[in-house]
Amino acid sequence: MYSALWRLLPGPLWFRILLAVILVVVVLLALILWVFPWVNTFIGTPEVTVQQ
């Protein structure tokens, strides 16, 4: 799968590497900003009480 994605990227090697890094950063930012907060609404947080 990664080789197919690599072949789809245009340009010389240095440009492919730069484009791949940019794509990874964009995907990670999308996960952090939108996907993880959306999923967190379904999970909920457990209520923990500590007694002394």
PDB file of N, CA and C in Angstrom:
ATOM      1  N   MET A   1       0.825  -1.183   0.000  1.00  0.00           N
ATOM      2  CA  MET A   1       0.000   0.000   0.000  1.00  0.00           C
ATOM      3  C   MET A   1       0.875   1.256   0.000  1.00  0.00           C
ATOM      4  N   TYR A   2       1.934   1.253   0.809  1.00  0.00           N
ATOM      5  CA  TYR A   2       2.784   2.435   0.862  1.00  0.00           C
ATOM      6  C   TYR A   2       3.508   2.668  -0.465  1.00  0.00           C
ATOM      7  N   SER A   3       3.862   1.601  -1.144  1.00  0.00           N
ATOM      8  CA  SER A   3       4.537   1.781  -2.433  1.00  0.00           C
ATOM      9  C   SER A   3       3.579   2.379  -3.465  1.00  0.00           C
ATOM     10  N   ALA A   4       2.313   2.008  -3.395  1.00  0.00           N
ATOM     11  CA  ALA A   4       1.326   2.586  -4.314  1.00  0.00           C
ATOM     12  C   ALA A   4       1.144   4.078  -4.033  1.00  0.00           C
ATOM     13  N   LEU A   5       1.108   4.447  -2.749  1.00  0.00           N
ATOM     14  CA  LEU A   5       1.006   5.866  -2.416  1.00  0.00           C
ATOM     15  C   LEU A   5       2.258   6.621  -2.840  1.00  0.00           C
ATOM     16  N   TRP A   6       3.418   5.989  -2.676  1.00  0.00           N
ATOM     17  CA  TRP A   6       4.678   6.621  -3.056  1.00  0.00           C
ATOM     18  C   TRP A   6       4.727   6.880  -4.563  1.00  0.00           C
ATOM     19  N   ARG A   7       4.214   5.938  -5.347  1.00  0.00           N
ATOM     20  CA  ARG A   7       4.211   6.113  -6.807  1.00  0.00           C
ATOM     21  C   ARG A   7       3.242   7.201  -7.244  1.00  0.00           C
ATOM     22  N   LEU A   8       2.208   7.465  -6.451  1.00  0.00           N
ATOM     23  CA  LEU A   8       1.237   8.500  -6.811  1.00  0.00           C
ATOM     24  C   LEU A   8       1.769   9.905  -6.571  1.00  0.00           C
ATOM     25  N   LEU A   9       2.763  10.057  -5.691  1.00  0.00           N
ATOM     26  CA  LEU A   9       3.305  11.377  -5.410  1.00  0.00           C
ATOM     27  C   LEU A   9       4.138  11.860  -6.596  1.00  0.00           C
ATOM     28  N   PRO A  10       3.917  13.095  -7.033  1.00  0.00           N
ATOM     29  CA  PRO A  10       4.647  13.604  -8.191  1.00  0.00           C
ATOM     30  C   PRO A  10       6.010  14.173  -7.815  1.00  0.00           C
ATOM     31  N   GLY A  11       6.864  14.322  -8.801  1.00  0.00           N
ATOM     32  CA  GLY A  11       8.116  15.053  -8.631  1.00  0.00           C
ATOM     33  C   GLY A  11       9.317  14.196  -8.298  1.00  0.00           C
ATOM     34  N   PRO A  12      10.446  14.868  -8.106  1.00  0.00           N
ATOM     35  CA  PRO A  12      11.683  14.163  -7.765  1.00  0.00           C
ATOM     36  C   PRO A  12      11.654  13.668  -6.309  1.00  0.00           C
ATOM     37  N   LEU A  13      12.689  12.959  -5.909  1.00  0.00           N
ATOM     38  CA  LEU A  13      12.732  12.322  -4.597  1.00  0.00           C
ATOM     39  C   LEU A  13      12.590  13.328  -3.456  1.00  0.00           C
ATOM     40  N   TRP A  14      13.318  14.437  -3.520  1.00  0.00           N
ATOM     41  CA  TRP A  14      13.271  15.400  -2.421  1.00  0.00           C
ATOM     42  C   TRP A  14      11.877  15.987  -2.259  1.00  0.00           C
ATOM     43  N   PHE A  15      11.174  16.186  -3.383  1.00  0.00           N
ATOM     44  CA  PHE A  15       9.821  16.734  -3.333  1.00  0.00           C
ATOM     45  C   PHE A  15       8.834  15.701  -2.786  1.00  0.00           C
ATOM     46  N   ARG A  16       9.032  14.428  -3.141  1.00  0.00           N
ATOM     47  CA  ARG A  16       8.175  13.363  -2.617  1.00  0.00           C
ATOM     48  C   ARG A  16       8.321  13.243  -1.110  1.00  0.00           C
ATOM     49  N   ILE A  17       9.554  13.348  -0.626  1.00  0.00           N
ATOM     50  CA  ILE A  17       9.781  13.257   0.816  1.00  0.00           C
ATOM     51  C   ILE A  17       9.109  14.429   1.520  1.00  0.00           C
ATOM     52  N   LEU A  18       9.283  15.630   0.989  1.00  0.00           N
ATOM     53  CA  LEU A  18       8.662  16.813   1.570  1.00  0.00           C
ATOM     54  C   LEU A  18       7.140  16.697   1.561  1.00  0.00           C
ATOM     55  N   LEU A  19       6.587  16.258   0.463  1.00  0.00           N
ATOM     56  CA  LEU A  19       5.143  16.101   0.351  1.00  0.00           C
ATOM     57  C   LEU A  19       4.630  15.025   1.302  1.00  0.00           C
ATOM     58  N   ALA A  20       5.365  13.944   1.461  1.00  0.00           N
ATOM     59  CA  ALA A  20       4.960  12.887   2.389  1.00  0.00           C
ATOM     60  C   ALA A  20       4.966  13.392   3.821  1.00  0.00           C
ATOM     61  N   VAL A  21       5.965  14.170   4.193  1.00  0.00           N
ATOM     62  CA  VAL A  21       6.019  14.734   5.551  1.00  0.00           C
ATOM     63  C   VAL A  21       4.851  15.688   5.779  1.00  0.00           C
ATOM     64  N   ILE A  22       4.562  16.520   4.805  1.00  0.00           N
ATOM     65  CA  ILE A  22       3.436  17.453   4.924  1.00  0.00           C
ATOM     66  C   ILE A  22       2.117  16.688   5.056  1.00  0.00           C
ATOM     67  N   LEU A  23       1.939  15.641   4.288  1.00  0.00           N
ATOM     68  CA  LEU A  23       0.712  14.853   4.373  1.00  0.00           C
ATOM     69  C   LEU A  23       0.562  14.183   5.731  1.00  0.00           C
ATOM     70  N   VAL A  24       1.647  13.675   6.289  1.00  0.00           N
ATOM     71  CA  VAL A  24       1.593  13.055   7.615  1.00  0.00           C
ATOM     72  C   VAL A  24       1.225  14.082   8.669  1.00  0.00           C
ATOM     73  N   VAL A  25       1.804  15.272   8.584  1.00  0.00           N
ATOM     74  CA  VAL A  25       1.491  16.332   9.545  1.00  0.00           C
ATOM     75  C   VAL A  25       0.028  16.741   9.440  1.00  0.00           C
ATOM     76  N   VAL A  26      -0.484  16.854   8.234  1.00  0.00           N
ATOM     77  CA  VAL A  26      -1.890  17.235   8.044  1.00  0.00           C
ATOM     78  C   VAL A  26      -2.817  16.171   8.618  1.00  0.00           C
ATOM     79  N   VAL A  27      -2.509  14.914   8.400  1.00  0.00           N
ATOM     80  CA  VAL A  27      -3.349  13.832   8.927  1.00  0.00           C
ATOM     81  C   VAL A  27      -3.313  13.833  10.452  1.00  0.00           C
ATOM     82  N   LEU A  28      -2.136  13.997  11.043  1.00  0.00           N
ATOM     83  CA  LEU A  28      -2.033  14.031  12.501  1.00  0.00           C
ATOM     84  C   LEU A  28      -2.787  15.226  13.090  1.00  0.00           C
ATOM     85  N   LEU A  29      -2.675  16.384  12.469  1.00  0.00           N
ATOM     86  CA  LEU A  29      -3.407  17.555  12.956  1.00  0.00           C
ATOM     87  C   LEU A  29      -4.921  17.358  12.850  1.00  0.00           C
ATOM     88  N   ALA A  30      -5.376  16.748  11.766  1.00  0.00           N
ATOM     89  CA  ALA A  30      -6.806  16.481  11.620  1.00  0.00           C
ATOM     90  C   ALA A  30      -7.292  15.518  12.697  1.00  0.00           C
ATOM     91  N   LEU A  31      -6.479  14.511  13.011  1.00  0.00           N
ATOM     92  CA  LEU A  31      -6.859  13.584  14.072  1.00  0.00           C
ATOM     93  C   LEU A  31      -6.929  14.289  15.420  1.00  0.00           C
ATOM     94  N   ILE A  32      -5.921  15.091  15.725  1.00  0.00           N
ATOM     95  CA  ILE A  32      -5.864  15.756  17.027  1.00  0.00           C
ATOM     96  C   ILE A  32      -6.958  16.809  17.170  1.00  0.00           C
ATOM     97  N   LEU A  33      -7.223  17.568  16.118  1.00  0.00           N
ATOM     98  CA  LEU A  33      -8.160  18.683  16.231  1.00  0.00           C
ATOM     99  C   LEU A  33      -9.623  18.287  16.089  1.00  0.00           C
ATOM    100  N   TRP A  34      -9.931  17.282  15.274  1.00  0.00           N
ATOM    101  CA  TRP A  34     -11.328  16.968  15.005  1.00  0.00           C
ATOM    102  C   TRP A  34     -11.737  15.548  15.369  1.00  0.00           C
ATOM    103  N   VAL A  35     -10.963  14.571  15.026  1.00  0.00           N
ATOM    104  CA  VAL A  35     -11.396  13.182  15.210  1.00  0.00           C
ATOM    105  C   VAL A  35     -11.351  12.771  16.680  1.00  0.00           C
ATOM    106  N   PHE A  36     -10.226  12.994  17.367  1.00  0.00           N
ATOM    107  CA  PHE A  36     -10.118  12.572  18.756  1.00  0.00           C
ATOM    108  C   PHE A  36     -11.129  13.274  19.664  1.00  0.00           C
ATOM    109  N   PRO A  37     -11.346  14.593  19.537  1.00  0.00           N
ATOM    110  CA  PRO A  37     -12.398  15.218  20.367  1.00  0.00           C
ATOM    111  C   PRO A  37     -13.795  14.672  20.061  1.00  0.00           C
ATOM    112  N   TRP A  38     -14.069  14.364  18.816  1.00  0.00           N
ATOM    113  CA  TRP A  38     -15.378  13.807  18.451  1.00  0.00           C
ATOM    114  C   TRP A  38     -15.570  12.431  19.075  1.00  0.00           C
ATOM    115  N   VAL A  39     -14.544  11.592  19.043  1.00  0.00           N
ATOM    116  CA  VAL A  39     -14.626  10.257  19.633  1.00  0.00           C
ATOM    117  C   VAL A  39     -14.726  10.353  21.148  1.00  0.00           C
ATOM    118  N   ASN A  40     -14.080  11.338  21.735  1.00  0.00           N
ATOM    119  CA  ASN A  40     -14.106  11.495  23.183  1.00  0.00           C
ATOM    120  C   ASN A  40     -15.513  11.768  23.709  1.00  0.00           C
ATOM    121  N   THR A  41     -16.368  12.362  22.890  1.00  0.00           N
ATOM    122  CA  THR A  41     -17.739  12.603  23.339  1.00  0.00           C
ATOM    123  C   THR A  41     -18.501  11.297  23.541  1.00  0.00           C
ATOM    124  N   PHE A  42     -18.105  10.233  22.879  1.00  0.00           N
ATOM    125  CA  PHE A  42     -18.775   8.945  23.015  1.00  0.00           C
ATOM    126  C   PHE A  42     -18.195   8.108  24.154  1.00  0.00           C
ATOM    127  N   ILE A  43     -16.969   8.384  24.544  1.00  0.00           N
ATOM    128  CA  ILE A  43     -16.307   7.547  25.544  1.00  0.00           C
ATOM    129  C   ILE A  43     -16.699   7.966  26.955  1.00  0.00           C
ATOM    130  N   GLY A  44     -16.630   9.237  27.247  1.00  0.00           N
ATOM    131  CA  GLY A  44     -16.945   9.703  28.587  1.00  0.00           C
ATOM    132  C   GLY A  44     -15.802   9.438  29.554  1.00  0.00           C
ATOM    133  N   THR A  45     -15.843  10.101  30.685  1.00  0.00           N
ATOM    134  CA  THR A  45     -14.794   9.924  31.671  1.00  0.00           C
ATOM    135  C   THR A  45     -15.366   9.239  32.900  1.00  0.00           C
ATOM    136  N   PRO A  46     -14.635   8.300  33.459  1.00  0.00           N
ATOM    137  CA  PRO A  46     -15.146   7.630  34.661  1.00  0.00           C
ATOM    138  C   PRO A  46     -15.059   8.551  35.881  1.00  0.00           C
ATOM    139  N   GLU A  47     -16.037   8.432  36.759  1.00  0.00           N
ATOM    140  CA  GLU A  47     -16.027   9.230  37.979  1.00  0.00           C
ATOM    141  C   GLU A  47     -15.285   8.439  39.053  1.00  0.00           C
ATOM    142  N   VAL A  48     -14.183   8.984  39.483  1.00  0.00           N
ATOM    143  CA  VAL A  48     -13.361   8.308  40.479  1.00  0.00           C
ATOM    144  C   VAL A  48     -13.422   9.096  41.767  1.00  0.00           C
ATOM    145  N   THR A  49     -13.707   8.404  42.851  1.00  0.00           N
ATOM    146  CA  THR A  49     -13.689   9.045  44.163  1.00  0.00           C
ATOM    147  C   THR A  49     -12.635   8.358  45.010  1.00  0.00           C
ATOM    148  N   VAL A  50     -11.909   9.144  45.756  1.00  0.00           N
ATOM    149  CA  VAL A  50     -10.875   8.623  46.640  1.00  0.00           C
ATOM    150  C   VAL A  50     -11.279   8.945  48.072  1.00  0.00           C
ATOM    151  N   GLN A  51     -11.340   7.908  48.877  1.00  0.00           N
ATOM    152  CA  GLN A  51     -11.705   8.099  50.275  1.00  0.00           C
ATOM    153  C   GLN A  51     -10.474   7.944  51.149  1.00  0.00           C
ATOM    154  N   GLN A  52     -10.414   8.754  52.203  1.00  0.00           N
ATOM    155  CA  GLN A  52      -9.267   8.662  53.111  1.00  0.00           C
ATOM    156  C   GLN A  52      -9.621   7.903  54.355  1.00  0.00           C
TER     157      GLN A  52
END
